[in-house]
Amino acid sequence: MRNLRTLMLGSSLLLLAACAGTRELAAPVAAVAPAPAATAAAPSDNYQLDNLQAIAWARTSAEAEALYLQAYGSARRALDQALADPTWTAATEQTGDFSRLPPAIIVDVDETVLDTSDYMVERLRNGRDFSNADWNQYVLRANATPLPGALDFLKYASARGVKIYYLSNRAGAPAEPGLQPELEATRRNLAQYGFPDTADSHNFLFRDAARGWQEKGPRRAEIARSHRILMMAGDNLYDFIDLDEATREKRDDAVEDHASWLGTRWIVLPNPVYGSWESVLIARSKGADARRAKLESVGVPGVAADAIARGGFEP
């Protein structure tokens, strides 16, 4: 029995030694690294989102509504004075003896009497820059809505015997091959809400290069031949006066030179989203270049502006 136990003990020790030797000699199993996850392509920067703050303000803020109501309220209060004063005109193009001419008011369309911010929201969603083709399709839908105060004021002026002219840079003739004229759709859009003087297409003076109607000055001059222009309403400085080779300084000077006309002869509406103010800053730049130009315009130095415009931060 003792010999059997000794034999069994020896066998166990040999087995343990073999196992121990196996653990020491076996190569460690290497951990299998997980396969790298497929890297999705980074989405392109949607530069239209640069306008999100301005669009949200224009569409949702009580302050934006207040400014429209304030502007058209001021216009209504000034109308009696304008009608009573035969020397009163709002157009720098009006010259000669106009005291006996019938009265008229000139209004821009977009962001002046109609709210087209839904088109801007479309651009936020699709990330596309402005194009004449996209804009043309939007205008032809003829579903823009009136801005606060505009319809009531123009109805009031019309009831006082004042002619309303709609002077817009929408296309009176196709802007590009394949596009449609925008006058009739605009007329229908305004007429469905009851805007005055919309039955006659002659009351719409839209951009038409063939007639020399690129800028608005020649069109204001056309109206000034037959009517005394009491007031003009718009969201762009060029709705009131043309400037050659405009700079920020020239634009500021034009406003300061006509400061006494603001709120009476010139009814200026808010538009923080787009306009000639932006063109002065960025010219024809787009994307990161446009963003950089705007950064530099508010005092961010060039190297930092370049980094920030491309999604980084100031070095």
C-alpha atoms as a PDB file:
ATOM      1  CA  MET A   1       0.000   0.000   0.000  1.00  0.00           C
ATOM      2  CA  ARG A   2       2.853   2.380   0.945  1.00  0.00           C
ATOM      3  CA  ASN A   3       4.516   1.579  -2.416  1.00  0.00           C
ATOM      4  CA  LEU A   4       1.239   2.318  -4.216  1.00  0.00           C
ATOM      5  CA  ARG A   5       0.878   5.660  -2.437  1.00  0.00           C
ATOM      6  CA  THR A   6       4.483   6.485  -3.260  1.00  0.00           C
ATOM      7  CA  LEU A   7       3.865   5.620  -6.887  1.00  0.00           C
ATOM      8  CA  MET A   8       0.677   7.739  -7.013  1.00  0.00           C
ATOM      9  CA  LEU A   9       2.454  10.700  -5.351  1.00  0.00           C
ATOM     10  CA  GLY A  10       5.269  10.519  -7.814  1.00  0.00           C
ATOM     11  CA  SER A  11       2.879  10.383 -10.730  1.00  0.00           C
ATOM     12  CA  SER A  12       1.055  13.451  -9.407  1.00  0.00           C
ATOM     13  CA  LEU A  13       4.287  15.393  -9.008  1.00  0.00           C
ATOM     14  CA  LEU A  14       5.310  14.506 -12.564  1.00  0.00           C
ATOM     15  CA  LEU A  15       1.900  15.610 -13.830  1.00  0.00           C
ATOM     16  CA  LEU A  16       2.111  18.967 -11.991  1.00  0.00           C
ATOM     17  CA  ALA A  17       5.630  19.522 -13.279  1.00  0.00           C
ATOM     18  CA  ALA A  18       4.459  18.814 -16.797  1.00  0.00           C
ATOM     19  CA  CYS A  19       1.583  21.255 -16.426  1.00  0.00           C
ATOM     20  CA  ALA A  20       3.852  23.901 -14.970  1.00  0.00           C
ATOM     21  CA  GLY A  21       6.289  23.398 -17.777  1.00  0.00           C
ATOM     22  CA  THR A  22       3.523  23.692 -20.295  1.00  0.00           C
ATOM     23  CA  ARG A  23       2.416  27.102 -18.857  1.00  0.00           C
ATOM     24  CA  GLU A  24       5.971  28.439 -18.952  1.00  0.00           C
ATOM     25  CA  LEU A  25       6.747  27.301 -22.468  1.00  0.00           C
ATOM     26  CA  ALA A  26       3.449  28.110 -24.204  1.00  0.00           C
ATOM     27  CA  ALA A  27       3.483  31.376 -26.151  1.00  0.00           C
ATOM     28  CA  PRO A  28       0.999  33.904 -24.830  1.00  0.00           C
ATOM     29  CA  VAL A  29      -2.111  34.348 -26.947  1.00  0.00           C
ATOM     30  CA  ALA A  30      -2.003  37.791 -28.504  1.00  0.00           C
ATOM     31  CA  ALA A  31      -5.078  39.955 -28.008  1.00  0.00           C
ATOM     32  CA  VAL A  32      -6.948  40.451 -31.268  1.00  0.00           C
ATOM     33  CA  ALA A  33      -7.292  44.159 -31.979  1.00  0.00           C
ATOM     34  CA  PRO A  34     -10.777  45.178 -33.115  1.00  0.00           C
ATOM     35  CA  ALA A  35     -11.057  46.104 -36.750  1.00  0.00           C
ATOM     36  CA  PRO A  36     -11.000  49.864 -37.192  1.00  0.00           C
ATOM     37  CA  ALA A  37     -14.448  51.319 -37.618  1.00  0.00           C
ATOM     38  CA  ALA A  38     -15.201  52.783 -41.009  1.00  0.00           C
ATOM     39  CA  THR A  39     -14.720  56.546 -40.829  1.00  0.00           C
ATOM     40  CA  ALA A  40     -17.639  58.450 -42.286  1.00  0.00           C
ATOM     41  CA  ALA A  41     -16.756  61.284 -44.597  1.00  0.00           C
ATOM     42  CA  ALA A  42     -17.005  64.589 -42.801  1.00  0.00           C
ATOM     43  CA  PRO A  43     -20.032  66.516 -44.028  1.00  0.00           C
ATOM     44  CA  SER A  44     -19.321  69.687 -45.939  1.00  0.00           C
ATOM     45  CA  ASP A  45     -19.820  72.869 -43.949  1.00  0.00           C
ATOM     46  CA  ASN A  46     -23.318  74.271 -44.469  1.00  0.00           C
ATOM     47  CA  TYR A  47     -22.458  77.938 -44.712  1.00  0.00           C
ATOM     48  CA  GLN A  48     -26.144  78.804 -44.938  1.00  0.00           C
ATOM     49  CA  LEU A  49     -26.241  78.181 -41.191  1.00  0.00           C
ATOM     50  CA  ASP A  50     -24.321  81.432 -40.774  1.00  0.00           C
ATOM     51  CA  ASN A  51     -27.718  83.108 -41.271  1.00  0.00           C
ATOM     52  CA  LEU A  52     -29.597  81.000 -38.735  1.00  0.00           C
ATOM     53  CA  GLN A  53     -29.507  83.581 -35.936  1.00  0.00           C
ATOM     54  CA  ALA A  54     -30.763  86.353 -38.209  1.00  0.00           C
ATOM     55  CA  ILE A  55     -33.499  84.194 -39.743  1.00  0.00           C
ATOM     56  CA  ALA A  56     -34.673  82.986 -36.355  1.00  0.00           C
ATOM     57  CA  TRP A  57     -34.810  86.582 -35.118  1.00  0.00           C
ATOM     58  CA  ALA A  58     -36.745  87.768 -38.170  1.00  0.00           C
ATOM     59  CA  ARG A  59     -39.255  84.905 -37.973  1.00  0.00           C
ATOM     60  CA  THR A  60     -39.822  84.588 -34.241  1.00  0.00           C
ATOM     61  CA  SER A  61     -38.959  87.729 -32.296  1.00  0.00           C
ATOM     62  CA  ALA A  62     -41.481  90.189 -30.953  1.00  0.00           C
ATOM     63  CA  GLU A  63     -38.873  92.859 -31.637  1.00  0.00           C
ATOM     64  CA  ALA A  64     -38.967  92.214 -35.391  1.00  0.00           C
ATOM     65  CA  GLU A  65     -42.755  92.513 -35.401  1.00  0.00           C
ATOM     66  CA  ALA A  66     -42.508  95.681 -33.324  1.00  0.00           C
ATOM     67  CA  LEU A  67     -40.125  97.307 -35.802  1.00  0.00           C
ATOM     68  CA  TYR A  68     -42.486  96.683 -38.712  1.00  0.00           C
ATOM     69  CA  LEU A  69     -45.468  98.015 -36.803  1.00  0.00           C
ATOM     70  CA  GLN A  70     -43.432 101.009 -35.644  1.00  0.00           C
ATOM     71  CA  ALA A  71     -42.244 101.797 -39.175  1.00  0.00           C
ATOM     72  CA  TYR A  72     -45.654 101.582 -40.804  1.00  0.00           C
ATOM     73  CA  GLY A  73     -47.232 103.410 -37.880  1.00  0.00           C
ATOM     74  CA  SER A  74     -44.776 106.261 -38.419  1.00  0.00           C
ATOM     75  CA  ALA A  75     -45.600 106.268 -42.117  1.00  0.00           C
ATOM     76  CA  ARG A  76     -49.311 106.534 -41.425  1.00  0.00           C
ATOM     77  CA  ARG A  77     -48.803 109.464 -39.051  1.00  0.00           C
ATOM     78  CA  ALA A  78     -46.630 111.262 -41.623  1.00  0.00           C
ATOM     79  CA  LEU A  79     -49.044 110.763 -44.503  1.00  0.00           C
ATOM     80  CA  ASP A  80     -51.291 113.736 -43.708  1.00  0.00           C
ATOM     81  CA  GLN A  81     -48.271 116.045 -43.605  1.00  0.00           C
ATOM     82  CA  ALA A  82     -46.980 114.645 -46.887  1.00  0.00           C
ATOM     83  CA  LEU A  83     -50.319 115.147 -48.624  1.00  0.00           C
ATOM     84  CA  ALA A  84     -50.667 118.703 -47.316  1.00  0.00           C
ATOM     85  CA  ASP A  85     -47.188 119.881 -48.356  1.00  0.00           C
ATOM     86  CA  PRO A  86     -46.880 120.276 -52.165  1.00  0.00           C
ATOM     87  CA  THR A  87     -43.085 120.570 -51.901  1.00  0.00           C
ATOM     88  CA  TRP A  88     -42.802 117.174 -50.234  1.00  0.00           C
ATOM     89  CA  THR A  89     -41.072 114.394 -52.138  1.00  0.00           C
ATOM     90  CA  ALA A  90     -39.188 111.308 -51.010  1.00  0.00           C
ATOM     91  CA  ALA A  91     -37.251 110.736 -54.242  1.00  0.00           C
ATOM     92  CA  THR A  92     -33.935 112.347 -55.055  1.00  0.00           C
ATOM     93  CA  GLU A  93     -34.802 111.683 -58.719  1.00  0.00           C
ATOM     94  CA  GLN A  94     -37.836 114.000 -58.540  1.00  0.00           C
ATOM     95  CA  THR A  95     -37.056 117.450 -59.941  1.00  0.00           C
ATOM     96  CA  GLY A  96     -38.889 120.377 -61.469  1.00  0.00           C
ATOM     97  CA  ASP A  97     -42.387 121.472 -60.507  1.00  0.00           C
ATOM     98  CA  PHE A  98     -44.079 118.368 -59.141  1.00  0.00           C
ATOM     99  CA  SER A  99     -46.494 120.140 -56.773  1.00  0.00           C
ATOM    100  CA  ARG A 100     -49.578 119.406 -58.907  1.00  0.00           C
ATOM    101  CA  LEU A 101     -48.791 115.780 -59.608  1.00  0.00           C
ATOM    102  CA  PRO A 102     -51.015 113.112 -57.992  1.00  0.00           C
ATOM    103  CA  PRO A 103     -49.464 111.431 -54.948  1.00  0.00           C
ATOM    104  CA  ALA A 104     -47.818 108.007 -54.916  1.00  0.00           C
ATOM    105  CA  ILE A 105     -45.975 105.706 -52.561  1.00  0.00           C
ATOM    106  CA  ILE A 106     -43.260 103.304 -53.715  1.00  0.00           C
ATOM    107  CA  VAL A 107     -42.678 100.056 -51.847  1.00  0.00           C
ATOM    108  CA  ASP A 108     -40.189  97.261 -52.290  1.00  0.00           C
ATOM    109  CA  VAL A 109     -41.626  93.728 -52.082  1.00  0.00           C
ATOM    110  CA  ASP A 110     -39.324  91.228 -50.349  1.00  0.00           C
ATOM    111  CA  GLU A 111     -38.888  91.812 -46.609  1.00  0.00           C
ATOM    112  CA  THR A 112     -40.849  95.060 -47.041  1.00  0.00           C
ATOM    113  CA  VAL A 113     -44.426  93.998 -47.708  1.00  0.00           C
ATOM    114  CA  LEU A 114     -43.962  90.227 -48.135  1.00  0.00           C
ATOM    115  CA  ASP A 115     -42.122  87.829 -45.824  1.00  0.00           C
ATOM    116  CA  THR A 116     -39.921  85.489 -47.885  1.00  0.00           C
ATOM    117  CA  SER A 117     -38.026  83.971 -44.975  1.00  0.00           C
ATOM    118  CA  ASP A 118     -39.452  80.528 -45.753  1.00  0.00           C
ATOM    119  CA  TYR A 119     -37.206  80.526 -48.830  1.00  0.00           C
ATOM    120  CA  MET A 120     -34.266  81.236 -46.529  1.00  0.00           C
ATOM    121  CA  VAL A 121     -35.271  78.309 -44.330  1.00  0.00           C
ATOM    122  CA  GLU A 122     -35.213  76.094 -47.418  1.00  0.00           C
ATOM    123  CA  ARG A 123     -31.615  77.146 -47.992  1.00  0.00           C
ATOM    124  CA  LEU A 124     -30.740  76.329 -44.390  1.00  0.00           C
ATOM    125  CA  ARG A 125     -32.076  72.839 -44.964  1.00  0.00           C
ATOM    126  CA  ASN A 126     -30.483  72.130 -48.343  1.00  0.00           C
ATOM    127  CA  GLY A 127     -27.252  74.092 -47.824  1.00  0.00           C
ATOM    128  CA  ARG A 128     -27.383  75.642 -51.274  1.00  0.00           C
ATOM    129  CA  ASP A 129     -26.307  79.176 -52.097  1.00  0.00           C
ATOM    130  CA  PHE A 130     -28.807  81.567 -53.607  1.00  0.00           C
ATOM    131  CA  SER A 131     -29.552  80.808 -57.239  1.00  0.00           C
ATOM    132  CA  ASN A 132     -31.867  82.500 -59.713  1.00  0.00           C
ATOM    133  CA  ALA A 133     -33.391  79.113 -60.528  1.00  0.00           C
ATOM    134  CA  ASP A 134     -34.287  78.243 -56.925  1.00  0.00           C
ATOM    135  CA  TRP A 135     -35.573  81.749 -56.282  1.00  0.00           C
ATOM    136  CA  ASN A 136     -37.661  81.684 -59.463  1.00  0.00           C
ATOM    137  CA  GLN A 137     -39.357  78.462 -58.366  1.00  0.00           C
ATOM    138  CA  TYR A 138     -40.085  79.999 -54.971  1.00  0.00           C
ATOM    139  CA  VAL A 139     -41.587  83.196 -56.430  1.00  0.00           C
ATOM    140  CA  LEU A 140     -43.805  81.247 -58.827  1.00  0.00           C
ATOM    141  CA  ARG A 141     -45.432  79.486 -55.858  1.00  0.00           C
ATOM    142  CA  ALA A 142     -46.895  82.910 -54.917  1.00  0.00           C
ATOM    143  CA  ASN A 143     -47.420  82.018 -51.262  1.00  0.00           C
ATOM    144  CA  ALA A 144     -45.351  84.583 -49.323  1.00  0.00           C
ATOM    145  CA  THR A 145     -47.295  86.218 -46.491  1.00  0.00           C
ATOM    146  CA  PRO A 146     -47.727  89.917 -45.594  1.00  0.00           C
ATOM    147  CA  LEU A 147     -45.414  91.515 -43.066  1.00  0.00           C
ATOM    148  CA  PRO A 148     -46.891  93.225 -39.988  1.00  0.00           C
ATOM    149  CA  GLY A 149     -48.459  96.611 -40.673  1.00  0.00           C
ATOM    150  CA  ALA A 150     -47.767  96.694 -44.406  1.00  0.00           C
ATOM    151  CA  LEU A 151     -51.236  95.804 -45.692  1.00  0.00           C
ATOM    152  CA  ASP A 152     -53.088  98.081 -43.275  1.00  0.00           C
ATOM    153  CA  PHE A 153     -50.884 101.051 -44.108  1.00  0.00           C
ATOM    154  CA  LEU A 154     -51.123 100.645 -47.871  1.00  0.00           C
ATOM    155  CA  LYS A 155     -54.891 100.219 -47.708  1.00  0.00           C
ATOM    156  CA  TYR A 156     -55.086 103.395 -45.630  1.00  0.00           C
ATOM    157  CA  ALA A 157     -52.925 105.321 -48.112  1.00  0.00           C
ATOM    158  CA  SER A 158     -54.944 104.032 -51.058  1.00  0.00           C
ATOM    159  CA  ALA A 159     -58.163 105.148 -49.362  1.00  0.00           C
ATOM    160  CA  ARG A 160     -56.618 108.636 -49.144  1.00  0.00           C
ATOM    161  CA  GLY A 161     -56.163 108.675 -52.916  1.00  0.00           C
ATOM    162  CA  VAL A 162     -52.493 107.693 -52.989  1.00  0.00           C
ATOM    163  CA  LYS A 163     -51.281 105.430 -55.823  1.00  0.00           C
ATOM    164  CA  ILE A 164     -49.166 102.431 -54.777  1.00  0.00           C
ATOM    165  CA  TYR A 165     -46.232 101.293 -56.918  1.00  0.00           C
ATOM    166  CA  TYR A 166     -44.377  98.036 -56.299  1.00  0.00           C
ATOM    167  CA  LEU A 167     -40.738  98.487 -57.261  1.00  0.00           C
ATOM    168  CA  SER A 168     -38.744  95.280 -56.844  1.00  0.00           C
ATOM    169  CA  ASN A 169     -35.595  93.627 -58.136  1.00  0.00           C
ATOM    170  CA  ARG A 170     -37.592  90.525 -58.880  1.00  0.00           C
ATOM    171  CA  ALA A 171     -37.282  89.648 -62.551  1.00  0.00           C
ATOM    172  CA  GLY A 172     -39.634  91.456 -64.903  1.00  0.00           C
ATOM    173  CA  ALA A 173     -37.955  89.539 -67.714  1.00  0.00           C
ATOM    174  CA  PRO A 174     -36.341  86.101 -67.281  1.00  0.00           C
ATOM    175  CA  ALA A 175     -33.032  86.417 -65.467  1.00  0.00           C
ATOM    176  CA  GLU A 176     -31.668  83.320 -67.214  1.00  0.00           C
ATOM    177  CA  PRO A 177     -32.775  81.015 -70.057  1.00  0.00           C
ATOM    178  CA  GLY A 178     -35.423  78.608 -68.867  1.00  0.00           C
ATOM    179  CA  LEU A 179     -36.717  80.827 -66.068  1.00  0.00           C
ATOM    180  CA  GLN A 180     -40.106  82.517 -65.925  1.00  0.00           C
ATOM    181  CA  PRO A 181     -40.913  86.233 -65.462  1.00  0.00           C
ATOM    182  CA  GLU A 182     -41.821  86.921 -61.843  1.00  0.00           C
ATOM    183  CA  LEU A 183     -44.184  89.864 -62.176  1.00  0.00           C
ATOM    184  CA  GLU A 184     -47.465  88.018 -62.636  1.00  0.00           C
ATOM    185  CA  ALA A 185     -46.813  85.565 -59.791  1.00  0.00           C
ATOM    186  CA  THR A 186     -45.941  88.490 -57.509  1.00  0.00           C
ATOM    187  CA  ARG A 187     -49.066  90.360 -58.540  1.00  0.00           C
ATOM    188  CA  ARG A 188     -51.207  87.313 -57.704  1.00  0.00           C
ATOM    189  CA  ASN A 189     -49.392  86.822 -54.404  1.00  0.00           C
ATOM    190  CA  LEU A 190     -50.152  90.389 -53.306  1.00  0.00           C
ATOM    191  CA  ALA A 191     -53.677  90.458 -54.739  1.00  0.00           C
ATOM    192  CA  GLN A 192     -54.789  87.400 -52.784  1.00  0.00           C
ATOM    193  CA  TYR A 193     -54.254  89.346 -49.558  1.00  0.00           C
ATOM    194  CA  GLY A 194     -55.979  92.481 -50.817  1.00  0.00           C
ATOM    195  CA  PHE A 195     -52.972  94.750 -51.389  1.00  0.00           C
ATOM    196  CA  PRO A 196     -54.135  97.851 -53.281  1.00  0.00           C
ATOM    197  CA  ASP A 197     -53.338  98.668 -56.917  1.00  0.00           C
ATOM    198  CA  THR A 198     -52.438  95.096 -57.786  1.00  0.00           C
ATOM    199  CA  ALA A 199     -54.929  94.600 -60.612  1.00  0.00           C
ATOM    200  CA  ASP A 200     -52.831  96.631 -63.066  1.00  0.00           C
ATOM    201  CA  SER A 201     -49.426  95.161 -63.956  1.00  0.00           C
ATOM    202  CA  HIS A 202     -48.206  98.660 -64.882  1.00  0.00           C
ATOM    203  CA  ASN A 203     -47.958  99.360 -61.149  1.00  0.00           C
ATOM    204  CA  PHE A 204     -45.139  96.808 -60.911  1.00  0.00           C
ATOM    205  CA  LEU A 205     -41.712  98.029 -61.990  1.00  0.00           C
ATOM    206  CA  PHE A 206     -39.411  95.017 -61.843  1.00  0.00           C
ATOM    207  CA  ARG A 207     -35.822  94.576 -62.967  1.00  0.00           C
ATOM    208  CA  ASP A 208     -35.580  94.490 -66.754  1.00  0.00           C
ATOM    209  CA  ALA A 209     -32.176  95.012 -68.373  1.00  0.00           C
ATOM    210  CA  ALA A 210     -33.732  95.558 -71.815  1.00  0.00           C
ATOM    211  CA  ARG A 211     -35.486  98.667 -70.467  1.00  0.00           C
ATOM    212  CA  GLY A 212     -32.441  99.908 -68.581  1.00  0.00           C
ATOM    213  CA  TRP A 213     -34.072  98.895 -65.314  1.00  0.00           C
ATOM    214  CA  GLN A 214     -31.160  97.248 -63.547  1.00  0.00           C
ATOM    215  CA  GLU A 215     -30.890  99.650 -60.614  1.00  0.00           C
ATOM    216  CA  LYS A 216     -33.926 101.281 -59.061  1.00  0.00           C
ATOM    217  CA  GLY A 217     -33.084 104.929 -59.777  1.00  0.00           C
ATOM    218  CA  PRO A 218     -34.365 104.884 -63.399  1.00  0.00           C
ATOM    219  CA  ARG A 219     -37.601 103.298 -62.256  1.00  0.00           C
ATOM    220  CA  ARG A 220     -38.111 105.883 -59.529  1.00  0.00           C
ATOM    221  CA  ALA A 221     -37.483 108.563 -62.157  1.00  0.00           C
ATOM    222  CA  GLU A 222     -40.139 106.962 -64.353  1.00  0.00           C
ATOM    223  CA  ILE A 223     -42.722 107.226 -61.577  1.00  0.00           C
ATOM    224  CA  ALA A 224     -41.596 110.758 -60.672  1.00  0.00           C
ATOM    225  CA  ARG A 225     -42.625 111.982 -64.130  1.00  0.00           C
ATOM    226  CA  SER A 226     -46.277 111.271 -63.448  1.00  0.00           C
ATOM    227  CA  HIS A 227     -46.620 111.284 -59.635  1.00  0.00           C
ATOM    228  CA  ARG A 228     -45.348 113.120 -56.601  1.00  0.00           C
ATOM    229  CA  ILE A 229     -43.568 110.463 -54.564  1.00  0.00           C
ATOM    230  CA  LEU A 230     -44.615 110.965 -50.947  1.00  0.00           C
ATOM    231  CA  MET A 231     -42.863 108.006 -49.384  1.00  0.00           C
ATOM    232  CA  MET A 232     -40.748 104.977 -50.130  1.00  0.00           C
ATOM    233  CA  ALA A 233     -40.511 101.830 -48.038  1.00  0.00           C
ATOM    234  CA  GLY A 234     -37.767  99.222 -48.257  1.00  0.00           C
ATOM    235  CA  ASP A 235     -35.242  97.052 -46.441  1.00  0.00           C
ATOM    236  CA  ASN A 236     -32.231  98.080 -48.561  1.00  0.00           C
ATOM    237  CA  LEU A 237     -30.550 101.463 -48.870  1.00  0.00           C
ATOM    238  CA  TYR A 238     -30.835 101.193 -52.648  1.00  0.00           C
ATOM    239  CA  ASP A 239     -34.629 101.120 -52.301  1.00  0.00           C
ATOM    240  CA  PHE A 240     -34.216 104.839 -51.619  1.00  0.00           C
ATOM    241  CA  ILE A 241     -31.108 106.065 -53.435  1.00  0.00           C
ATOM    242  CA  ASP A 242     -28.575 104.747 -55.941  1.00  0.00           C
ATOM    243  CA  LEU A 243     -24.864 105.017 -55.146  1.00  0.00           C
ATOM    244  CA  ASP A 244     -22.015 104.481 -57.601  1.00  0.00           C
ATOM    245  CA  GLU A 245     -19.088 102.380 -56.354  1.00  0.00           C
ATOM    246  CA  ALA A 246     -20.566 102.310 -52.888  1.00  0.00           C
ATOM    247  CA  THR A 247     -18.371 101.862 -49.843  1.00  0.00           C
ATOM    248  CA  ARG A 248     -19.348 101.614 -46.206  1.00  0.00           C
ATOM    249  CA  GLU A 249     -18.445 105.271 -45.791  1.00  0.00           C
ATOM    250  CA  LYS A 250     -20.523 106.403 -48.797  1.00  0.00           C
ATOM    251  CA  ARG A 251     -23.489 104.406 -47.573  1.00  0.00           C
ATOM    252  CA  ASP A 252     -23.218 105.891 -44.087  1.00  0.00           C
ATOM    253  CA  ASP A 253     -22.969 109.379 -45.585  1.00  0.00           C
ATOM    254  CA  ALA A 254     -26.122 108.844 -47.651  1.00  0.00           C
ATOM    255  CA  VAL A 255     -28.062 107.893 -44.547  1.00  0.00           C
ATOM    256  CA  GLU A 256     -26.725 110.799 -42.518  1.00  0.00           C
ATOM    257  CA  ASP A 257     -27.479 113.254 -45.342  1.00  0.00           C
ATOM    258  CA  HIS A 258     -31.137 112.160 -45.282  1.00  0.00           C
ATOM    259  CA  ALA A 259     -31.536 111.608 -41.543  1.00  0.00           C
ATOM    260  CA  SER A 260     -34.500 114.001 -41.370  1.00  0.00           C
ATOM    261  CA  TRP A 261     -36.352 111.842 -43.916  1.00  0.00           C
ATOM    262  CA  LEU A 262     -36.130 108.642 -41.887  1.00  0.00           C
ATOM    263  CA  GLY A 263     -39.493 107.488 -40.565  1.00  0.00           C
ATOM    264  CA  THR A 264     -41.388 110.039 -42.664  1.00  0.00           C
ATOM    265  CA  ARG A 265     -40.288 109.984 -46.314  1.00  0.00           C
ATOM    266  CA  TRP A 266     -38.025 106.945 -46.101  1.00  0.00           C
ATOM    267  CA  ILE A 267     -39.545 104.013 -44.219  1.00  0.00           C
ATOM    268  CA  VAL A 268     -36.664 101.634 -43.536  1.00  0.00           C
ATOM    269  CA  LEU A 269     -37.467  98.032 -42.551  1.00  0.00           C
ATOM    270  CA  PRO A 270     -35.115  95.563 -40.813  1.00  0.00           C
ATOM    271  CA  ASN A 271     -33.285  92.838 -42.740  1.00  0.00           C
ATOM    272  CA  PRO A 272     -30.292  91.277 -40.973  1.00  0.00           C
ATOM    273  CA  VAL A 273     -30.180  88.313 -43.374  1.00  0.00           C
ATOM    274  CA  TYR A 274     -29.124  89.697 -46.758  1.00  0.00           C
ATOM    275  CA  GLY A 275     -28.844  92.917 -48.754  1.00  0.00           C
ATOM    276  CA  SER A 276     -26.465  95.430 -50.241  1.00  0.00           C
ATOM    277  CA  TRP A 277     -24.831  95.890 -46.821  1.00  0.00           C
ATOM    278  CA  GLU A 278     -23.593  92.311 -47.106  1.00  0.00           C
ATOM    279  CA  SER A 279     -22.398  92.739 -50.702  1.00  0.00           C
ATOM    280  CA  VAL A 280     -20.209  95.655 -49.636  1.00  0.00           C
ATOM    281  CA  LEU A 281     -18.479  93.378 -47.126  1.00  0.00           C
ATOM    282  CA  ILE A 282     -18.050  90.185 -49.132  1.00  0.00           C
ATOM    283  CA  ALA A 283     -18.414  91.222 -52.816  1.00  0.00           C
ATOM    284  CA  ARG A 284     -18.872  87.904 -54.656  1.00  0.00           C
ATOM    285  CA  SER A 285     -17.161  85.715 -52.074  1.00  0.00           C
ATOM    286  CA  LYS A 286     -18.856  82.570 -50.816  1.00  0.00           C
ATOM    287  CA  GLY A 287     -18.365  79.989 -48.114  1.00  0.00           C
ATOM    288  CA  ALA A 288     -15.309  80.374 -45.910  1.00  0.00           C
ATOM    289  CA  ASP A 289     -14.095  83.404 -47.892  1.00  0.00           C
ATOM    290  CA  ALA A 290     -17.339  85.256 -47.228  1.00  0.00           C
ATOM    291  CA  ARG A 291     -17.197  84.281 -43.572  1.00  0.00           C
ATOM    292  CA  ARG A 292     -13.627  85.540 -43.333  1.00  0.00           C
ATOM    293  CA  ALA A 293     -14.580  88.897 -44.905  1.00  0.00           C
ATOM    294  CA  LYS A 294     -17.348  89.361 -42.347  1.00  0.00           C
ATOM    295  CA  LEU A 295     -14.994  88.477 -39.494  1.00  0.00           C
ATOM    296  CA  GLU A 296     -12.474  91.034 -40.717  1.00  0.00           C
ATOM    297  CA  SER A 297     -15.236  93.654 -41.035  1.00  0.00           C
ATOM    298  CA  VAL A 298     -15.866  93.446 -37.282  1.00  0.00           C
ATOM    299  CA  GLY A 299     -12.199  93.724 -36.367  1.00  0.00           C
ATOM    300  CA  VAL A 300     -10.899  90.140 -36.295  1.00  0.00           C
ATOM    301  CA  PRO A 301      -7.354  90.226 -37.776  1.00  0.00           C
ATOM    302  CA  GLY A 302      -6.600  88.320 -40.971  1.00  0.00           C
ATOM    303  CA  VAL A 303      -4.774  85.234 -39.650  1.00  0.00           C
ATOM    304  CA  ALA A 304      -7.346  84.662 -36.927  1.00  0.00           C
ATOM    305  CA  ALA A 305     -10.228  85.369 -39.302  1.00  0.00           C
ATOM    306  CA  ASP A 306      -8.903  82.791 -41.731  1.00  0.00           C
ATOM    307  CA  ALA A 307      -8.652  80.113 -39.045  1.00  0.00           C
ATOM    308  CA  ILE A 308     -12.077  80.844 -37.579  1.00  0.00           C
ATOM    309  CA  ALA A 309     -13.722  80.995 -41.006  1.00  0.00           C
ATOM    310  CA  ARG A 310     -12.645  77.406 -41.619  1.00  0.00           C
ATOM    311  CA  GLY A 311     -14.023  76.055 -38.368  1.00  0.00           C
ATOM    312  CA  GLY A 312     -11.037  76.665 -36.084  1.00  0.00           C
ATOM    313  CA  PHE A 313     -10.154  79.220 -33.476  1.00  0.00           C
ATOM    314  CA  GLU A 314      -7.794  82.142 -33.149  1.00  0.00           C
ATOM    315  CA  PRO A 315      -4.187  80.849 -33.048  1.00  0.00           C
END
